[in-house]
Structures are given as C-alpha cells and as structure tokens.
Amino acid sequence: MLKFIGLVPHPPLIIPGVSRSEAERSRVERTIAAMEQLARRIHKAKVERLIVITPHGPLLREGIAAAAPPLLEGDFSRFGAAGVRVFLETDPVLLQHLQRESAEGPLRLIALGAGERSLPRGFSLDHGAAVPLYYLQQAGVRAHGLHLTYTFASYRELYRFGKALRRAVEARGLPAAIVASGDLSHRLIPGAPAGYSPRGAAYDRMLLELLREGRLEDILDLDEDLVEEAGECALRSFVIALGAIPGKDFRTEVLSYEGPFGVGYMVAEIHPLTGGSRNGVAAREEEAAKGSTTQALLARRALHHYLEHGRPPAAPDPLPDELSMQAGAFVSLKKRGKLRGCIGTIEPVRRNLAEEIIANAVSAGIKDPRFAPVRLEEIDELIISVDVLMAPERVESPAELDPRKYGVLVRSGHRSGLLLPDLEGIDTVAEQIAIARRKAGIGPREAIELYRFEVRRYE
C-alpha cells in the first residue's frame, strides 16, 4: 500500500561536510529544514518499502532502469565528504511485481545487475539518490526498495509507468513511500550552472502553481520548449510519482522552495484527494495557505540546531521577504496536544523577524520556567507554531475586543500582560482581560490601558 509520495531536490551542498562554509550552508537552511521534516514524516508513516526515482543513473531508451543488485551503496567522496555513506537494499519481490505490471505498457522495467543486463562498471549511488537517502536514514528510515532511473519518454508514457508502479506496490502489500528526486530550473540567475534564462524562473513558478493546485493535465501538457529552456531534471521523476496516485485528484504541500545558487530546490509532499476528502496533512496545508510555512520551519530548525549544537543557527542569508520585516513574535510548542513551551516578544527587539523567531524558538524550548527544557529526542513530537504580531492599537472599551480575532495587551504603569487570540478555552473578552491582568500582576480593580492586535499564525 502506498503511504507517502515526496518530491525532493538533490543538491550535495545540503550534506554535512560538503558545503564549503557555514555561510554557504546557511543559504539553503530552508531546504535543509524541509528535507528533515519530510524525512521525519516518512519515518512516522512506518514505511517498509522505499522507491527512489532519480534522473541520475543508466538512461535506457526502451524503459525504466532499475539498479537491481542486492545492496546499493554510495558516498559523497566526489564532493569532499567520503565519510558520509548511504545504502539501499533491493526488494527482489517488488522488482518482480513491477516487471510484471509494466510488461504490457509503453515503458517496461529493465533490471540491471540481476541477470537481465549488467550495470555499468563501478556503479554506485550518486547524489540523485544519495541526498534523499541521507536524510531518510538520519531520520531512522530503514526500508528495502528500488532505485529507478527515468527515461526520456513522453510525460504520458511516464505517467502510465507510475500507474504500473502503484499496482506493483499494492501487489507487494507492504507500506511504501515513493521519493521522486530532481532539481527544478538550473538557469535562475546570471552565473547559474547551466547559464541564465529568464524562462527558468517562469518555469519554476508555473510548476509550483500546477502542483499546488493539482492540475494534472496541465502538467502532462507542459510546453517541452519551456521545460528544455529551464534546464531542469525533476519533471520526469515527478510525473512517474504522480502516476502512482490513486485517482487523478491531488494537492501538493510545498514545504520549501528556494534557488540561492541559480538552481531551484523544492521539497514537497503529494496528497491524494480521494472522493473529495482531504487527509489531515492536506487540511493543515490549506490552513497554512494563509501564509508561507517558512516561519514555522525556521522555528523548528532553530530549536533543533540549538539542541544539537548548543548554539542557535544564523539567520537565512539572503532573507526571504516574509522574514525581513521587524515584528514581535511568539513561538509555541505543543506535545500530544499539551503546551510544552511558549516565549515571545510583544514588539520587535531584533533586526528582523528571522532573528526574532530564532531567539524565541530557542527560549520556548529551554527557558520557559513552567517546563523542563526540551530534549533533542522530543523534537519530532512537537507541533511548533509561530504567531507574528501586528502592531497593537489602543482601544477605549472591551466592546472593541474579540478573543477569536484579536489578542489583548493590558498595561498599568510599567506592568503589562499579553494574551494571544483564539486560544482554546478562552471564549469571552472578560476571561481574556482577566488572564492578561494576572500575567502582568495587575489587580482586578486597578485601572488599565487596553490594546488589541492581530496575529498571523504559521504552524
């Protein structure tokens, strides 16, 4: 049974030991955080089989190549990190099912290194598969599976092969994940690896929009001249993965997209929509669609980095627009539905929102006096939300408040207390004001100034 479909990039520089400097690595922090998040989700899905689809490997005209030796191994020695190794054990039963299911289609599976044909001499897993495998293995995923290399067939033929892949997974009867590897345009900026084309960024924007909106036919009908001009290597991997979706309706949750070095890196999860229903993660995506998930990803990355290294990470460089403004922010941690930490700033005290979120995420994890410090092994169990505070405005009466829409700030002299909006169990203005008073140490009969503010919540 197919439990997960992920779309991932494969830049070697997101592997520890490959990037030339901390500054270089900081420019892909969002990609790193999203890869870690996706790998944790796959681990939680408890998959027992893993299919990696990559543009890197033997390219055959007549079909899809499967590297079929019992054990596939690779490292990052080409990139200066020979000590970082990955592996994938082949599932011969799944291989046989896929050979049978694809035999009558326009593209059949061709097993290399398992009797039918030989693999090229010295074959090993390169970064097309090794990058996602590194993050999956760091997250604890240990699953046998298949290494598939696409071919330059039509998108519809690749899509049909994806349907055969789904049937093979169903025949195998074990929970499985598909990870489709590939980078988007390699021509985003002057000096990019494949040269610059203004159509590169246009292609990336179009593909993200089509994936987010689940527009399958438009993806299969993409202008091949545009795709070629973009200089990408991901679309065919993605199309095979889309073919494996039950039905044709889907939404895509884009966890991150960035292109700091002229190559587009996207991390995403595909959510099938069967019978018009949405699974829980897709529902969260719709809620998060009110704004980017960048803020919450940064908070998680900051706390994880601190717990692992004993220091907060640097802010992303360059800063995305949504993190460059100044604003107060609260970071909240929940574990199994219960609060695990919450720290924030009413007004900005740092140079930008990114620094505000990083500092408050670390403080919420280790400095909230109500709770013991968060441990590294807890990080995967936390739901992390970021509330970005809009500027407070003075109100003259409680009648101008609404606990669902507005947070409240009460002041008396040098004392002040704040309460965020839309909190579970707080349904009236009177409750909201009373709690804010208590937090500030302001008595119920003392005169106060009232302020209201709105927040943008990212989770």
Protein backbone atom coordinates (compact mmCIF):
# COMPACT_ATOMS: atom_id res chain seq x y z
CA MET A 1 0.00 0.00 0.00
CA LEU A 2 1.31 3.42 -0.93
CA LYS A 3 1.51 5.66 2.14
CA PHE A 4 3.69 8.56 1.07
CA ILE A 5 4.85 10.47 -2.01
CA GLY A 6 7.62 13.03 -1.64
CA LEU A 7 9.26 15.35 -4.18
CA VAL A 8 12.82 16.34 -3.30
CA PRO A 9 15.88 18.11 -4.71
CA HIS A 10 19.36 16.63 -4.60
CA PRO A 11 22.00 19.37 -4.10
CA PRO A 12 25.09 17.79 -2.49
CA LEU A 13 25.81 21.03 -0.60
CA ILE A 14 22.98 20.25 1.87
CA ILE A 15 25.01 17.27 3.10
CA PRO A 16 27.24 17.95 6.15
CA GLY A 17 30.87 18.17 5.13
CA VAL A 18 30.14 19.10 1.51
CA SER A 19 29.39 22.82 1.79
CA ARG A 20 32.50 24.98 1.75
CA SER A 21 31.41 27.26 4.58
CA GLU A 22 28.74 27.79 7.20
CA ALA A 23 27.63 30.87 5.27
CA GLU A 24 27.08 28.80 2.13
CA ARG A 25 25.12 26.18 4.06
CA SER A 26 23.01 28.88 5.72
CA ARG A 27 21.74 29.93 2.29
CA VAL A 28 19.92 26.61 1.96
CA GLU A 29 18.62 26.43 5.54
CA ARG A 30 15.02 26.26 4.33
CA THR A 31 15.77 23.30 2.06
CA ILE A 32 17.64 21.51 4.85
CA ALA A 33 14.82 22.07 7.34
CA ALA A 34 12.22 20.89 4.84
CA MET A 35 14.22 17.77 3.94
CA GLU A 36 14.46 16.92 7.63
CA GLN A 37 10.73 17.48 8.06
CA LEU A 38 9.84 15.32 5.07
CA ALA A 39 12.14 12.53 6.27
CA ARG A 40 10.52 12.62 9.73
CA ARG A 41 7.09 12.32 8.13
CA ILE A 42 8.17 9.28 6.12
CA HIS A 43 9.62 7.71 9.26
CA LYS A 44 6.35 8.30 11.12
CA ALA A 45 4.45 6.69 8.25
CA LYS A 46 6.28 3.44 9.18
CA VAL A 47 7.03 2.51 5.60
CA GLU A 48 8.67 -0.82 4.89
CA ARG A 49 9.46 -0.25 1.22
CA LEU A 50 11.07 2.76 -0.44
CA ILE A 51 11.14 3.60 -4.16
CA VAL A 52 13.62 6.29 -5.20
CA ILE A 53 13.14 7.77 -8.69
CA THR A 54 16.13 9.73 -9.98
CA PRO A 55 17.43 11.30 -13.18
CA HIS A 56 20.93 10.03 -12.30
CA GLY A 57 21.74 6.51 -13.39
CA PRO A 58 21.60 4.34 -16.53
CA LEU A 59 19.30 6.04 -19.08
CA LEU A 60 17.70 3.49 -21.41
CA ARG A 61 15.62 4.27 -24.48
CA GLU A 62 13.27 1.33 -24.15
CA GLY A 63 12.28 1.56 -20.50
CA ILE A 64 12.90 2.48 -16.88
CA ALA A 65 16.15 1.18 -15.42
CA ALA A 66 16.21 -0.48 -12.00
CA ALA A 67 19.59 -0.95 -10.36
CA ALA A 68 18.97 -4.41 -9.01
CA PRO A 69 21.98 -5.80 -7.07
CA PRO A 70 21.02 -6.88 -3.55
CA LEU A 71 22.81 -3.92 -1.97
CA LEU A 72 23.41 -0.48 -3.47
CA GLU A 73 25.87 1.84 -1.76
CA GLY A 74 27.21 5.33 -2.30
CA ASP A 75 29.07 8.19 -0.68
CA PHE A 76 29.92 11.85 -1.24
CA SER A 77 33.64 11.42 -1.94
CA ARG A 78 33.27 13.42 -5.20
CA PHE A 79 32.21 16.35 -3.06
CA GLY A 80 34.79 16.07 -0.29
CA ALA A 81 32.73 14.07 2.20
CA ALA A 82 33.79 10.46 1.66
CA GLY A 83 32.79 9.54 5.21
CA VAL A 84 29.10 10.20 4.54
CA ARG A 85 27.73 6.93 3.19
CA VAL A 86 24.26 5.72 2.22
CA PHE A 87 22.78 2.42 1.12
CA LEU A 88 19.62 0.86 -0.29
CA GLU A 89 18.80 -2.84 -0.20
CA THR A 90 16.82 -4.04 -3.21
CA ASP A 91 13.49 -5.78 -2.73
CA PRO A 92 13.50 -8.55 -5.38
CA VAL A 93 9.81 -9.33 -4.87
CA LEU A 94 8.77 -5.73 -5.54
CA LEU A 95 11.10 -5.76 -8.54
CA GLN A 96 9.32 -8.80 -9.96
CA HIS A 97 5.89 -7.27 -9.38
CA LEU A 98 6.94 -4.11 -11.22
CA GLN A 99 8.40 -6.10 -14.13
CA ARG A 100 5.10 -7.93 -14.48
CA GLU A 101 2.88 -4.84 -14.11
CA SER A 102 4.86 -2.79 -16.63
CA ALA A 103 5.39 -5.56 -19.20
CA GLU A 104 2.41 -4.57 -21.38
CA GLY A 105 2.88 -0.82 -21.13
CA PRO A 106 4.81 1.60 -23.36
CA LEU A 107 7.67 1.57 -20.87
CA ARG A 108 8.77 -1.61 -19.17
CA LEU A 109 11.07 -2.08 -16.21
CA ILE A 110 14.57 -3.24 -17.12
CA ALA A 111 16.51 -4.78 -14.24
CA LEU A 112 20.24 -4.11 -14.36
CA GLY A 113 22.59 -6.27 -12.35
CA ALA A 114 20.07 -9.04 -11.72
CA GLY A 115 20.51 -11.32 -14.72
CA GLU A 116 18.75 -9.35 -17.48
CA ARG A 117 21.54 -6.84 -18.10
CA SER A 118 24.67 -5.70 -16.32
CA LEU A 119 25.08 -2.42 -14.53
CA PRO A 120 27.79 -0.07 -15.76
CA ARG A 121 31.15 -0.93 -14.23
CA GLY A 122 31.72 0.78 -10.90
CA PHE A 123 28.08 1.84 -10.48
CA SER A 124 27.24 3.37 -7.10
CA LEU A 125 24.52 5.60 -5.72
CA ASP A 126 25.22 9.17 -6.73
CA HIS A 127 23.73 12.35 -5.30
CA GLY A 128 20.44 11.95 -7.20
CA ALA A 129 19.51 9.15 -4.80
CA ALA A 130 22.14 9.64 -2.09
CA VAL A 131 20.95 13.07 -0.95
CA PRO A 132 17.38 11.98 -0.11
CA LEU A 133 18.65 8.66 1.28
CA TYR A 134 20.96 10.53 3.65
CA TYR A 135 18.07 12.47 5.18
CA LEU A 136 15.83 9.41 5.32
CA GLN A 137 18.50 7.35 7.07
CA GLN A 138 19.23 10.17 9.50
CA ALA A 139 15.52 10.13 10.38
CA GLY A 140 15.63 6.40 11.05
CA VAL A 141 14.05 5.08 7.83
CA ARG A 142 15.34 1.56 7.16
CA ALA A 143 13.42 0.12 4.22
CA HIS A 144 14.29 -2.16 1.33
CA GLY A 145 13.15 -0.92 -2.03
CA LEU A 146 14.02 0.07 -5.60
CA HIS A 147 16.32 2.54 -7.33
CA LEU A 148 14.70 3.67 -10.59
CA THR A 149 16.16 5.93 -13.29
CA TYR A 150 13.68 7.55 -15.65
CA THR A 151 13.94 7.65 -19.43
CA PHE A 152 13.27 10.47 -21.92
CA ALA A 153 9.86 9.22 -22.96
CA SER A 154 6.72 11.33 -23.22
CA TYR A 155 5.17 12.57 -20.00
CA ARG A 156 2.06 10.47 -20.55
CA GLU A 157 4.11 7.30 -21.02
CA LEU A 158 5.97 8.06 -17.80
CA TYR A 159 2.64 8.70 -16.09
CA ARG A 160 1.39 5.29 -17.22
CA PHE A 161 4.53 3.70 -15.79
CA GLY A 162 3.67 5.38 -12.49
CA LYS A 163 0.32 3.57 -12.55
CA ALA A 164 2.16 0.27 -13.03
CA LEU A 165 4.37 1.21 -10.08
CA ARG A 166 1.31 1.75 -7.88
CA ARG A 167 -0.11 -1.64 -8.89
CA ALA A 168 3.22 -3.27 -8.05
CA VAL A 169 3.27 -1.64 -4.63
CA GLU A 170 -0.28 -2.81 -3.96
CA ALA A 171 0.64 -6.33 -5.05
CA ARG A 172 3.62 -6.29 -2.66
CA GLY A 173 1.23 -5.49 0.18
CA LEU A 174 3.68 -3.58 2.38
CA PRO A 175 3.50 0.11 3.35
CA ALA A 176 5.65 2.03 0.88
CA ALA A 177 6.92 5.52 0.09
CA ILE A 178 7.91 6.99 -3.27
CA VAL A 179 10.58 9.69 -3.28
CA ALA A 180 10.96 11.45 -6.64
CA SER A 181 14.30 13.25 -6.89
CA GLY A 182 15.19 16.17 -9.12
CA ASP A 183 16.09 19.85 -9.19
CA LEU A 184 13.97 22.49 -10.90
CA SER A 185 15.45 25.08 -13.27
CA HIS A 186 19.25 25.28 -13.36
CA ARG A 187 19.08 28.70 -15.04
CA LEU A 188 17.51 31.03 -12.50
CA ILE A 189 20.16 33.74 -12.24
CA PRO A 190 23.19 35.00 -14.17
CA GLY A 191 26.08 32.70 -13.40
CA ALA A 192 23.82 29.69 -12.76
CA PRO A 193 25.33 26.25 -13.52
CA ALA A 194 23.57 25.89 -16.88
CA GLY A 195 23.64 29.56 -17.82
CA TYR A 196 20.86 32.08 -17.36
CA SER A 197 17.41 32.15 -18.94
CA PRO A 198 14.50 34.36 -17.83
CA ARG A 199 12.26 31.40 -18.63
CA GLY A 200 13.89 29.40 -15.82
CA ALA A 201 12.13 31.29 -13.04
CA ALA A 202 8.90 31.36 -15.08
CA TYR A 203 9.04 27.56 -15.36
CA ASP A 204 9.58 27.11 -11.63
CA ARG A 205 6.68 29.43 -10.77
CA MET A 206 4.39 27.62 -13.21
CA LEU A 207 5.31 24.13 -12.00
CA LEU A 208 4.81 25.07 -8.33
CA GLU A 209 1.42 26.55 -9.15
CA LEU A 210 0.32 23.50 -11.14
CA LEU A 211 1.45 21.12 -8.40
CA ARG A 212 -0.17 23.13 -5.61
CA GLU A 213 -3.46 23.24 -7.50
CA GLY A 214 -3.35 19.60 -8.58
CA ARG A 215 -3.64 20.42 -12.28
CA LEU A 216 -2.50 17.07 -13.65
CA GLU A 217 -3.47 17.58 -17.31
CA ASP A 218 -1.65 20.91 -17.44
CA ILE A 219 1.47 19.25 -16.03
CA LEU A 220 1.33 16.47 -18.63
CA ASP A 221 0.84 19.10 -21.35
CA LEU A 222 3.68 21.40 -20.31
CA ASP A 223 5.43 23.11 -23.22
CA GLU A 224 8.51 21.00 -23.91
CA ASP A 225 10.40 24.02 -25.21
CA LEU A 226 9.81 25.77 -21.88
CA VAL A 227 10.92 22.68 -19.94
CA GLU A 228 14.09 22.38 -22.01
CA GLU A 229 14.86 26.09 -21.76
CA ALA A 230 14.53 25.87 -17.97
CA GLY A 231 17.31 23.28 -17.85
CA GLU A 232 15.63 21.13 -15.21
CA CYS A 233 15.94 17.47 -14.23
CA ALA A 234 12.93 16.86 -11.99
CA LEU A 235 9.76 16.78 -14.08
CA ARG A 236 10.01 13.20 -15.33
CA SER A 237 10.66 11.87 -11.83
CA PHE A 238 7.66 13.86 -10.57
CA VAL A 239 5.38 12.63 -13.38
CA ILE A 240 6.11 8.98 -12.54
CA ALA A 241 5.26 9.73 -8.90
CA LEU A 242 2.01 11.44 -9.94
CA GLY A 243 1.06 8.33 -11.91
CA ALA A 244 1.23 6.34 -8.68
CA ILE A 245 -1.53 8.43 -7.06
CA PRO A 246 -4.85 6.62 -6.66
CA GLY A 247 -7.15 8.57 -8.97
CA LYS A 248 -6.20 11.90 -10.54
CA ASP A 249 -7.08 14.39 -7.81
CA PHE A 250 -4.30 15.63 -5.58
CA ARG A 251 -2.87 18.63 -3.81
CA THR A 252 0.77 19.39 -3.18
CA GLU A 253 2.09 20.71 0.10
CA VAL A 254 5.24 22.65 -0.75
CA LEU A 255 7.44 22.60 2.36
CA SER A 256 10.09 24.85 0.83
CA TYR A 257 11.32 26.36 -2.41
CA GLU A 258 14.45 28.43 -2.94
CA GLY A 259 17.13 28.98 -5.56
CA PRO A 260 20.03 30.84 -3.95
CA PHE A 261 22.67 29.43 -6.31
CA GLY A 262 20.65 29.61 -9.52
CA VAL A 263 19.07 26.12 -9.21
CA GLY A 264 15.52 25.67 -7.96
CA TYR A 265 15.21 23.40 -4.92
CA MET A 266 11.68 22.28 -3.98
CA VAL A 267 10.67 19.94 -1.16
CA ALA A 268 7.03 18.82 -1.26
CA GLU A 269 4.57 16.12 -0.31
CA ILE A 270 1.79 14.91 -2.62
CA HIS A 271 -1.60 14.33 -1.01
CA PRO A 272 -4.13 12.23 -2.98
CA LEU A 273 -7.71 13.52 -2.72
CA THR A 274 -10.00 10.52 -3.00
CA GLY A 275 -13.70 11.14 -3.11
CA GLY A 276 -13.14 14.82 -2.43
CA SER A 277 -11.81 14.11 1.07
CA ARG A 278 -8.61 15.53 2.49
CA ASN A 279 -6.22 13.81 4.81
CA GLY A 280 -5.02 15.55 7.94
CA VAL A 281 -1.81 16.89 6.48
CA ALA A 282 -3.62 18.30 3.46
CA ALA A 283 -6.01 20.06 5.81
CA ARG A 284 -3.04 21.60 7.60
CA GLU A 285 -1.71 22.71 4.23
CA GLU A 286 -4.97 24.51 3.46
CA GLU A 287 -4.83 26.26 6.83
CA ALA A 288 -1.19 27.16 6.29
CA ALA A 289 -2.00 28.52 2.84
CA LYS A 290 -2.88 31.81 4.52
CA GLY A 291 0.86 32.37 4.58
CA SER A 292 4.16 30.68 3.99
CA THR A 293 5.29 27.87 6.28
CA THR A 294 8.75 29.47 6.27
CA GLN A 295 8.26 30.94 9.74
CA ALA A 296 7.36 27.65 11.43
CA LEU A 297 10.09 25.75 9.58
CA LEU A 298 12.63 28.30 10.76
CA ALA A 299 11.45 27.93 14.37
CA ARG A 300 11.77 24.14 14.22
CA ARG A 301 15.17 24.35 12.58
CA ALA A 302 16.40 26.86 15.16
CA LEU A 303 15.39 24.75 18.15
CA HIS A 304 16.75 21.55 16.59
CA HIS A 305 20.05 23.26 15.74
CA TYR A 306 20.41 24.60 19.29
CA LEU A 307 19.66 21.24 20.90
CA GLU A 308 22.14 19.51 18.58
CA HIS A 309 24.97 22.06 18.56
CA GLY A 310 24.46 24.19 21.69
CA ARG A 311 24.07 27.42 19.74
CA PRO A 312 21.33 28.98 17.61
CA PRO A 313 21.74 28.98 13.83
CA ALA A 314 22.44 32.08 11.81
CA ALA A 315 19.50 33.75 10.09
CA PRO A 316 18.97 32.77 6.44
CA ASP A 317 21.07 34.79 4.01
CA PRO A 318 19.65 36.24 1.87
CA LEU A 319 16.49 36.79 3.91
CA PRO A 320 13.22 35.89 2.21
CA ASP A 321 10.80 38.81 2.11
CA GLU A 322 8.50 37.30 4.73
CA LEU A 323 11.35 37.24 7.28
CA SER A 324 12.95 40.59 6.55
CA MET A 325 10.44 42.83 8.33
CA GLN A 326 10.56 43.70 12.02
CA ALA A 327 7.76 42.34 14.21
CA GLY A 328 7.16 40.77 17.59
CA ALA A 329 6.64 37.02 17.52
CA PHE A 330 5.63 34.22 19.86
CA VAL A 331 6.80 30.64 19.35
CA SER A 332 4.60 27.94 20.89
CA LEU A 333 5.46 24.27 21.34
CA LYS A 334 2.86 21.58 21.87
CA LYS A 335 3.37 17.91 22.58
CA ARG A 336 0.45 15.48 22.33
CA GLY A 337 -1.97 18.38 22.42
CA LYS A 338 -0.49 19.99 25.55
CA LEU A 339 1.59 23.13 25.80
CA ARG A 340 5.33 22.37 26.08
CA GLY A 341 6.69 25.93 25.95
CA CYS A 342 5.81 29.41 24.76
CA ILE A 343 8.02 32.51 24.65
CA GLY A 344 7.69 35.65 22.61
CA THR A 345 8.19 39.36 22.20
CA ILE A 346 5.38 41.90 22.11
CA GLU A 347 7.37 44.28 19.95
CA PRO A 348 10.46 43.65 17.81
CA VAL A 349 13.75 43.69 19.67
CA ARG A 350 15.96 42.31 16.89
CA ARG A 351 16.99 43.35 13.42
CA ASN A 352 14.42 41.25 11.57
CA LEU A 353 11.70 38.66 12.03
CA ALA A 354 14.07 35.77 11.30
CA GLU A 355 16.27 36.67 14.29
CA GLU A 356 13.13 37.21 16.40
CA ILE A 357 11.83 33.72 15.59
CA ILE A 358 15.20 32.01 16.10
CA ALA A 359 15.72 33.55 19.54
CA ASN A 360 12.15 32.91 20.70
CA ALA A 361 12.13 29.32 19.42
CA VAL A 362 15.23 28.54 21.47
CA SER A 363 13.79 30.31 24.52
CA ALA A 364 10.46 28.48 24.20
CA GLY A 365 12.34 25.19 24.20
CA ILE A 366 14.78 25.78 27.05
CA LYS A 367 13.84 28.92 29.01
CA ASP A 368 10.11 28.73 29.69
CA PRO A 369 10.12 28.46 33.51
CA ARG A 370 6.91 26.44 33.53
CA PHE A 371 8.51 23.45 31.83
CA ALA A 372 11.67 21.38 31.87
CA PRO A 373 13.92 22.12 28.87
CA VAL A 374 13.02 20.28 25.68
CA ARG A 375 15.28 17.32 24.88
CA LEU A 376 16.59 16.60 21.39
CA GLU A 377 14.73 13.30 21.23
CA GLU A 378 11.43 15.14 21.74
CA ILE A 379 11.76 17.39 18.70
CA ASP A 380 9.85 15.11 16.31
CA GLU A 381 6.87 15.01 18.69
CA LEU A 382 6.44 18.78 18.83
CA ILE A 383 3.91 20.82 16.95
CA ILE A 384 5.51 24.24 16.54
CA SER A 385 3.58 27.39 15.72
CA VAL A 386 4.71 30.96 15.21
CA ASP A 387 2.43 33.93 15.87
CA VAL A 388 3.66 37.10 14.22
CA LEU A 389 2.16 40.12 15.97
CA MET A 390 0.80 43.06 14.10
CA ALA A 391 1.26 46.49 15.72
CA PRO A 392 -1.08 46.89 18.74
CA GLU A 393 -3.74 49.62 18.66
CA ARG A 394 -5.26 51.37 21.66
CA VAL A 395 -8.95 50.70 22.33
CA GLU A 396 -11.25 52.58 24.67
CA SER A 397 -13.60 49.77 25.63
CA PRO A 398 -13.73 45.97 25.96
CA ALA A 399 -16.55 46.15 23.42
CA GLU A 400 -13.86 46.65 20.77
CA LEU A 401 -12.25 43.29 21.60
CA ASP A 402 -12.94 39.81 20.22
CA PRO A 403 -10.99 36.89 21.74
CA ARG A 404 -11.20 34.93 18.49
CA LYS A 405 -9.90 37.70 16.27
CA TYR A 406 -7.73 39.91 18.50
CA GLY A 407 -5.05 39.34 21.07
CA VAL A 408 -5.12 41.68 24.05
CA LEU A 409 -2.42 43.72 25.78
CA VAL A 410 -3.13 45.33 29.16
CA ARG A 411 -0.88 47.95 30.73
CA SER A 412 -0.75 49.64 34.09
CA GLY A 413 2.33 51.76 34.68
CA HIS A 414 5.40 49.69 33.89
CA ARG A 415 3.48 46.39 34.08
CA SER A 416 1.99 44.76 31.01
CA GLY A 417 0.39 41.44 30.17
CA LEU A 418 -0.39 39.91 26.80
CA LEU A 419 -2.67 37.12 25.63
CA LEU A 420 -2.77 35.73 22.10
CA PRO A 421 -6.09 35.39 20.25
CA ASP A 422 -8.07 32.25 19.51
CA LEU A 423 -6.85 30.22 22.48
CA GLU A 424 -8.65 27.03 23.45
CA GLY A 425 -10.91 27.52 26.47
CA ILE A 426 -10.91 31.33 26.34
CA ASP A 427 -14.24 32.33 24.86
CA THR A 428 -15.07 35.74 26.33
CA VAL A 429 -13.46 39.15 26.49
CA ALA A 430 -13.76 39.15 30.29
CA GLU A 431 -11.73 35.93 30.54
CA GLN A 432 -9.14 37.29 28.13
CA ILE A 433 -8.63 40.51 30.08
CA ALA A 434 -8.60 38.72 33.46
CA ILE A 435 -5.85 36.32 32.36
CA ALA A 436 -3.79 39.15 30.85
CA ARG A 437 -4.14 41.08 34.15
CA ARG A 438 -2.93 38.08 36.17
CA LYS A 439 0.06 37.56 33.88
CA ALA A 440 1.08 41.18 34.48
CA GLY A 441 0.38 41.15 38.24
CA ILE A 442 -2.31 43.80 37.81
CA GLY A 443 -5.19 43.60 40.29
CA PRO A 444 -8.80 43.23 39.11
CA ARG A 445 -9.70 46.76 40.24
CA GLU A 446 -6.63 48.61 39.02
CA ALA A 447 -7.00 50.97 36.07
CA ILE A 448 -5.55 49.67 32.82
CA GLU A 449 -4.91 50.69 29.26
CA LEU A 450 -6.27 48.26 26.69
CA TYR A 451 -4.69 47.40 23.37
CA ARG A 452 -5.71 44.91 20.73
CA PHE A 453 -3.64 43.31 17.99
CA GLU A 454 -3.99 40.76 15.24
CA VAL A 455 -1.61 37.89 14.56
CA ARG A 456 -0.63 35.80 11.60
CA ARG A 457 -0.26 32.22 12.70
CA TYR A 458 2.03 29.70 10.99
CA GLU A 459 2.14 26.06 12.06
